[in-house]
Every structure is written in C-alpha cells, then in structure tokens.
PDB file of N, CA and C in Angstrom:
ATOM      1  N   MET A   1      87.979  98.301 127.976  1.00  0.00           N
ATOM      2  CA  MET A   1      86.826  99.019 128.203  1.00  0.00           C
ATOM      3  C   MET A   1      85.726  98.330 128.681  1.00  0.00           C
ATOM      4  N   PHE A   2      85.710  97.107 128.705  1.00  0.00           N
ATOM      5  CA  PHE A   2      84.622  96.665 129.544  1.00  0.00           C
ATOM      6  C   PHE A   2      84.226  96.876 131.134  1.00  0.00           C
ATOM      7  N   SER A   3      85.827  97.116 131.402  1.00  0.00           N
ATOM      8  CA  SER A   3      85.762  97.348 133.152  1.00  0.00           C
ATOM      9  C   SER A   3      85.301  98.802 133.290  1.00  0.00           C
ATOM     10  N   MET A   4      85.644  99.319 132.305  1.00  0.00           N
ATOM     11  CA  MET A   4      85.143 100.674 132.734  1.00  0.00           C
ATOM     12  C   MET A   4      83.635 101.087 132.871  1.00  0.00           C
ATOM     13  N   ILE A   5      83.070 100.272 131.969  1.00  0.00           N
ATOM     14  CA  ILE A   5      81.785 100.287 131.635  1.00  0.00           C
ATOM     15  C   ILE A   5      80.788  99.620 133.167  1.00  0.00           C
ATOM     16  N   GLN A   6      81.463  98.366 133.349  1.00  0.00           N
ATOM     17  CA  GLN A   6      81.316  97.631 134.766  1.00  0.00           C
ATOM     18  C   GLN A   6      80.992  98.743 135.811  1.00  0.00           C
ATOM     19  N   PHE A   7      82.362  99.638 135.814  1.00  0.00           N
ATOM     20  CA  PHE A   7      82.443 100.733 137.159  1.00  0.00           C
ATOM     21  C   PHE A   7      81.257 101.719 137.059  1.00  0.00           C
ATOM     22  N   GLN A   8      81.101 102.321 135.747  1.00  0.00           N
ATOM     23  CA  GLN A   8      79.820 102.959 135.560  1.00  0.00           C
ATOM     24  C   GLN A   8      78.514 102.459 135.998  1.00  0.00           C
ATOM     25  N   VAL A   9      78.209 101.041 135.354  1.00  0.00           N
ATOM     26  CA  VAL A   9      77.009 100.685 135.985  1.00  0.00           C
ATOM     27  C   VAL A   9      76.882 100.337 137.140  1.00  0.00           C
ATOM     28  N   ALA A  10      77.922 100.103 137.876  1.00  0.00           N
ATOM     29  CA  ALA A  10      78.122  99.950 139.192  1.00  0.00           C
ATOM     30  C   ALA A  10      77.525 101.231 140.425  1.00  0.00           C
ATOM     31  N   GLY A  11      78.036 102.159 139.636  1.00  0.00           N
ATOM     32  CA  GLY A  11      78.020 103.457 140.260  1.00  0.00           C
ATOM     33  C   GLY A  11      76.590 104.055 140.200  1.00  0.00           C
ATOM     34  N   LEU A  12      75.699 103.656 138.828  1.00  0.00           N
ATOM     35  CA  LEU A  12      74.643 103.895 138.698  1.00  0.00           C
ATOM     36  C   LEU A  12      73.531 102.980 139.312  1.00  0.00           C
ATOM     37  N   VAL A  13      73.776 101.719 139.580  1.00  0.00           N
ATOM     38  CA  VAL A  13      72.873 101.077 140.628  1.00  0.00           C
ATOM     39  C   VAL A  13      73.089 101.759 141.833  1.00  0.00           C
ATOM     40  N   ILE A  14      74.438 101.914 142.588  1.00  0.00           N
ATOM     41  CA  ILE A  14      74.455 102.680 143.765  1.00  0.00           C
ATOM     42  C   ILE A  14      73.557 103.971 143.690  1.00  0.00           C
ATOM     43  N   VAL A  15      73.697 104.852 142.882  1.00  0.00           N
ATOM     44  CA  VAL A  15      72.850 105.916 142.796  1.00  0.00           C
ATOM     45  C   VAL A  15      71.501 106.026 142.898  1.00  0.00           C
ATOM     46  N   LEU A  16      71.254 104.914 142.123  1.00  0.00           N
ATOM     47  CA  LEU A  16      69.376 104.444 141.823  1.00  0.00           C
ATOM     48  C   LEU A  16      68.927 104.057 143.192  1.00  0.00           C
ATOM     49  N   PHE A  17      70.057 103.319 143.733  1.00  0.00           N
ATOM     50  CA  PHE A  17      69.558 102.763 145.061  1.00  0.00           C
ATOM     51  C   PHE A  17      69.532 104.175 146.167  1.00  0.00           C
ATOM     52  N   ILE A  18      70.430 105.131 146.241  1.00  0.00           N
ATOM     53  CA  ILE A  18      70.293 105.761 147.020  1.00  0.00           C
ATOM     54  C   ILE A  18      69.052 106.743 147.014  1.00  0.00           C
ATOM     55  N   LEU A  19      68.895 107.030 145.560  1.00  0.00           N
ATOM     56  CA  LEU A  19      67.606 107.791 145.190  1.00  0.00           C
ATOM     57  C   LEU A  19      66.401 107.160 145.713  1.00  0.00           C
ATOM     58  N   PHE A  20      66.328 105.778 145.320  1.00  0.00           N
ATOM     59  CA  PHE A  20      65.043 105.176 145.833  1.00  0.00           C
ATOM     60  C   PHE A  20      64.721 105.110 147.350  1.00  0.00           C
ATOM     61  N   MET A  21      65.896 105.158 148.152  1.00  0.00           N
ATOM     62  CA  MET A  21      65.868 104.940 149.515  1.00  0.00           C
ATOM     63  C   MET A  21      65.222 106.475 150.154  1.00  0.00           C
ATOM     64  N   HIS A  22      65.922 107.369 149.455  1.00  0.00           N
ATOM     65  CA  HIS A  22      65.651 108.824 149.758  1.00  0.00           C
ATOM     66  C   HIS A  22      64.320 109.298 149.539  1.00  0.00           C
ATOM     67  N   LEU A  23      63.775 108.645 148.255  1.00  0.00           N
ATOM     68  CA  LEU A  23      62.268 109.128 147.890  1.00  0.00           C
ATOM     69  C   LEU A  23      61.003 108.321 148.796  1.00  0.00           C
ATOM     70  N   THR A  24      61.517 107.271 149.159  1.00  0.00           N
ATOM     71  CA  THR A  24      60.261 106.095 149.865  1.00  0.00           C
ATOM     72  C   THR A  24      60.202 106.743 151.169  1.00  0.00           C
ATOM     73  N   ARG A  25      61.338 107.325 152.028  1.00  0.00           N
ATOM     74  CA  ARG A  25      61.276 107.764 153.133  1.00  0.00           C
ATOM     75  C   ARG A  25      60.232 109.067 153.258  1.00  0.00           C
ATOM     76  N   ARG A  26      59.437 109.046 154.384  1.00  0.00           N
ATOM     77  CA  ARG A  26      58.498 110.437 154.433  1.00  0.00           C
ATOM     78  C   ARG A  26      59.198 111.405 155.413  1.00  0.00           C
ATOM     79  N   THR A  27      59.427 112.459 154.880  1.00  0.00           N
ATOM     80  CA  THR A  27      60.397 113.780 155.696  1.00  0.00           C
ATOM     81  C   THR A  27      59.792 115.015 155.242  1.00  0.00           C
ATOM     82  N   ARG A  28      60.114 116.002 155.920  1.00  0.00           N
ATOM     83  CA  ARG A  28      59.607 117.412 155.717  1.00  0.00           C
ATOM     84  C   ARG A  28      60.554 117.783 154.514  1.00  0.00           C
ATOM     85  N   TRP A  29      59.651 118.465 153.530  1.00  0.00           N
ATOM     86  CA  TRP A  29      60.397 119.035 152.206  1.00  0.00           C
ATOM     87  C   TRP A  29      61.325 120.371 152.684  1.00  0.00           C
ATOM     88  N   LEU A  30      62.435 120.068 152.903  1.00  0.00           N
ATOM     89  CA  LEU A  30      63.532 121.126 153.558  1.00  0.00           C
ATOM     90  C   LEU A  30      64.081 121.611 152.070  1.00  0.00           C
ATOM     91  N   VAL A  31      64.859 122.463 152.351  1.00  0.00           N
ATOM     92  CA  VAL A  31      65.349 123.158 151.156  1.00  0.00           C
ATOM     93  C   VAL A  31      66.724 122.280 150.735  1.00  0.00           C
ATOM     94  N   THR A  32      67.360 121.621 151.844  1.00  0.00           N
ATOM     95  CA  THR A  32      68.660 120.924 151.786  1.00  0.00           C
ATOM     96  C   THR A  32      68.260 119.440 151.001  1.00  0.00           C
ATOM     97  N   GLU A  33      66.712 118.941 151.299  1.00  0.00           N
ATOM     98  CA  GLU A  33      66.490 117.819 150.624  1.00  0.00           C
ATOM     99  C   GLU A  33      66.371 118.026 149.141  1.00  0.00           C
ATOM    100  N   ARG A  34      65.904 119.326 148.538  1.00  0.00           N
ATOM    101  CA  ARG A  34      65.895 119.691 147.412  1.00  0.00           C
ATOM    102  C   ARG A  34      67.151 119.643 146.782  1.00  0.00           C
ATOM    103  N   ILE A  35      68.017 120.401 147.474  1.00  0.00           N
ATOM    104  CA  ILE A  35      69.216 120.265 146.685  1.00  0.00           C
ATOM    105  C   ILE A  35      69.568 118.913 146.804  1.00  0.00           C
ATOM    106  N   PHE A  36      69.921 118.151 147.626  1.00  0.00           N
ATOM    107  CA  PHE A  36      70.368 116.828 147.281  1.00  0.00           C
ATOM    108  C   PHE A  36      69.588 116.065 146.343  1.00  0.00           C
ATOM    109  N   GLU A  37      68.363 116.182 146.432  1.00  0.00           N
ATOM    110  CA  GLU A  37      67.784 115.762 145.128  1.00  0.00           C
ATOM    111  C   GLU A  37      68.108 115.923 143.642  1.00  0.00           C
ATOM    112  N   ALA A  38      68.411 117.424 143.777  1.00  0.00           N
ATOM    113  CA  ALA A  38      68.932 117.671 142.672  1.00  0.00           C
ATOM    114  C   ALA A  38      70.386 117.238 141.954  1.00  0.00           C
ATOM    115  N   PHE A  39      71.176 117.172 143.426  1.00  0.00           N
ATOM    116  CA  PHE A  39      72.540 116.674 143.233  1.00  0.00           C
ATOM    117  C   PHE A  39      72.501 115.406 142.592  1.00  0.00           C
ATOM    118  N   LEU A  40      71.503 114.362 143.090  1.00  0.00           N
ATOM    119  CA  LEU A  40      71.613 113.110 142.677  1.00  0.00           C
ATOM    120  C   LEU A  40      70.916 112.706 141.254  1.00  0.00           C
ATOM    121  N   THR A  41      70.111 113.693 140.785  1.00  0.00           N
ATOM    122  CA  THR A  41      69.532 113.789 139.456  1.00  0.00           C
ATOM    123  C   THR A  41      70.690 114.311 138.417  1.00  0.00           C
ATOM    124  N   VAL A  42      71.390 115.237 138.718  1.00  0.00           N
ATOM    125  CA  VAL A  42      72.680 115.489 138.047  1.00  0.00           C
ATOM    126  C   VAL A  42      73.633 114.699 138.031  1.00  0.00           C
ATOM    127  N   VAL A  43      74.071 113.818 139.055  1.00  0.00           N
ATOM    128  CA  VAL A  43      74.870 112.673 139.204  1.00  0.00           C
ATOM    129  C   VAL A  43      74.142 111.771 138.081  1.00  0.00           C
ATOM    130  N   LEU A  44      72.964 111.246 138.478  1.00  0.00           N
ATOM    131  CA  LEU A  44      72.349 110.317 137.724  1.00  0.00           C
ATOM    132  C   LEU A  44      72.368 110.637 135.921  1.00  0.00           C
ATOM    133  N   ILE A  45      72.182 111.728 135.697  1.00  0.00           N
ATOM    134  CA  ILE A  45      72.162 111.947 134.204  1.00  0.00           C
ATOM    135  C   ILE A  45      73.680 112.124 133.913  1.00  0.00           C
ATOM    136  N   ASP A  46      74.731 112.281 134.789  1.00  0.00           N
ATOM    137  CA  ASP A  46      76.266 112.452 134.468  1.00  0.00           C
ATOM    138  C   ASP A  46      76.561 111.231 134.322  1.00  0.00           C
ATOM    139  N   LEU A  47      76.112 109.893 134.798  1.00  0.00           N
ATOM    140  CA  LEU A  47      76.491 108.517 134.746  1.00  0.00           C
ATOM    141  C   LEU A  47      76.071 108.022 133.559  1.00  0.00           C
ATOM    142  N   CYS A  48      74.770 108.274 133.200  1.00  0.00           N
ATOM    143  CA  CYS A  48      74.030 107.782 131.837  1.00  0.00           C
ATOM    144  C   CYS A  48      74.913 108.389 130.765  1.00  0.00           C
ATOM    145  N   LEU A  49      74.937 109.602 130.710  1.00  0.00           N
ATOM    146  CA  LEU A  49      75.648 110.279 129.381  1.00  0.00           C
ATOM    147  C   LEU A  49      77.323 109.762 129.346  1.00  0.00           C
ATOM    148  N   ASP A  50      77.982 109.281 130.537  1.00  0.00           N
ATOM    149  CA  ASP A  50      79.283 108.588 130.499  1.00  0.00           C
ATOM    150  C   ASP A  50      79.093 107.478 130.000  1.00  0.00           C
ATOM    151  N   ILE A  51      78.223 106.645 130.602  1.00  0.00           N
ATOM    152  CA  ILE A  51      78.029 105.343 129.736  1.00  0.00           C
ATOM    153  C   ILE A  51      77.787 105.249 128.449  1.00  0.00           C
ATOM    154  N   ALA A  52      77.060 106.382 127.899  1.00  0.00           N
ATOM    155  CA  ALA A  52      76.671 106.437 126.506  1.00  0.00           C
ATOM    156  C   ALA A  52      78.072 106.730 125.588  1.00  0.00           C
ATOM    157  N   SER A  53      78.597 107.773 126.277  1.00  0.00           N
ATOM    158  CA  SER A  53      79.623 108.134 125.656  1.00  0.00           C
ATOM    159  C   SER A  53      80.905 106.905 125.564  1.00  0.00           C
ATOM    160  N   ILE A  54      81.046 106.001 126.750  1.00  0.00           N
ATOM    161  CA  ILE A  54      81.965 104.737 126.532  1.00  0.00           C
ATOM    162  C   ILE A  54      81.662 103.856 125.527  1.00  0.00           C
ATOM    163  N   PHE A  55      80.270 103.574 125.316  1.00  0.00           N
ATOM    164  CA  PHE A  55      79.731 102.803 124.283  1.00  0.00           C
ATOM    165  C   PHE A  55      79.767 103.504 123.028  1.00  0.00           C
ATOM    166  N   ALA A  56      80.077 104.705 122.679  1.00  0.00           N
ATOM    167  CA  ALA A  56      79.987 105.256 121.434  1.00  0.00           C
ATOM    168  C   ALA A  56      81.562 105.300 121.131  1.00  0.00           C
ATOM    169  N   ILE A  57      82.417 105.234 122.009  1.00  0.00           N
ATOM    170  CA  ILE A  57      83.972 105.119 121.816  1.00  0.00           C
ATOM    171  C   ILE A  57      84.040 103.729 121.765  1.00  0.00           C
ATOM    172  N   ALA A  58      83.658 102.855 122.123  1.00  0.00           N
ATOM    173  CA  ALA A  58      83.915 101.428 122.174  1.00  0.00           C
ATOM    174  C   ALA A  58      83.480 101.132 120.444  1.00  0.00           C
ATOM    175  N   TYR A  59      82.297 101.378 120.488  1.00  0.00           N
ATOM    176  CA  TYR A  59      81.703 101.035 118.957  1.00  0.00           C
ATOM    177  C   TYR A  59      81.567 101.937 118.069  1.00  0.00           C
ATOM    178  N   ARG A  60      82.469 102.751 117.946  1.00  0.00           N
ATOM    179  CA  ARG A  60      82.735 103.609 116.962  1.00  0.00           C
ATOM    180  C   ARG A  60      82.903 103.397 115.340  1.00  0.00           C
ATOM    181  N   ASP A  61      83.619 102.143 115.301  1.00  0.00           N
ATOM    182  CA  ASP A  61      83.690 101.510 114.277  1.00  0.00           C
ATOM    183  C   ASP A  61      82.494 101.210 113.265  1.00  0.00           C
ATOM    184  N   LYS A  62      81.497 100.699 114.252  1.00  0.00           N
ATOM    185  CA  LYS A  62      79.990 100.436 113.628  1.00  0.00           C
ATOM    186  C   LYS A  62      79.324 101.285 113.441  1.00  0.00           C
ATOM    187  N   ASN A  63      79.699 102.673 113.840  1.00  0.00           N
ATOM    188  CA  ASN A  63      78.673 103.809 113.879  1.00  0.00           C
ATOM    189  C   ASN A  63      78.566 104.408 112.688  1.00  0.00           C
ATOM    190  N   PRO A  64      77.562 104.334 111.716  1.00  0.00           N
ATOM    191  CA  PRO A  64      77.610 104.899 110.213  1.00  0.00           C
ATOM    192  C   PRO A  64      77.528 106.486 110.328  1.00  0.00           C
ATOM    193  N   PHE A  65      77.518 106.982 111.421  1.00  0.00           N
ATOM    194  CA  PHE A  65      77.443 108.534 111.515  1.00  0.00           C
ATOM    195  C   PHE A  65      79.086 109.007 111.549  1.00  0.00           C
ATOM    196  N   VAL A  66      79.889 108.258 111.976  1.00  0.00           N
ATOM    197  CA  VAL A  66      81.186 108.807 112.250  1.00  0.00           C
ATOM    198  C   VAL A  66      81.812 108.263 111.335  1.00  0.00           C
ATOM    199  N   THR A  67      83.042 109.418 110.708  1.00  0.00           N
ATOM    200  CA  THR A  67      83.719 109.099 109.370  1.00  0.00           C
ATOM    201  C   THR A  67      84.996 108.905 109.807  1.00  0.00           C
TER     202      THR A  67
END
C-alpha cells in the first residue's frame, strides 16, 4: 500500500513542478494555455483525491465513520 502512495506523491510533485514552471514564465494568454492550465488543475485535483482514497482504504479500520 505504501508504494502506491509513493507513486502518487511522486506524480503530485511532478505536476506541481510543471505547474510552477508554466506559471512563472511570461507568455501571451492563448486559449491553448488556458486549456493546459485547466488540464493541469484537473490532474492535480485527481491526484489529491486519489491519495486521499488510498489513505482512506489503508486506514479504514481506524476510521470511526466506517462500519
């Protein structure tokens, strides 16, 4: 289970690095750049929710809300 979390966190770091590099450079605001930013945002949210689901599965026995 821990290796799955490691892969997801590594992907999260890569996506954050790409997003940081993209946002720090000065470019014109083209439609394709906005689509790229929206895509990166969706991937970032997906990775965060995937990490949260792995934690929820791994620690389901310690969660008082799960019966």
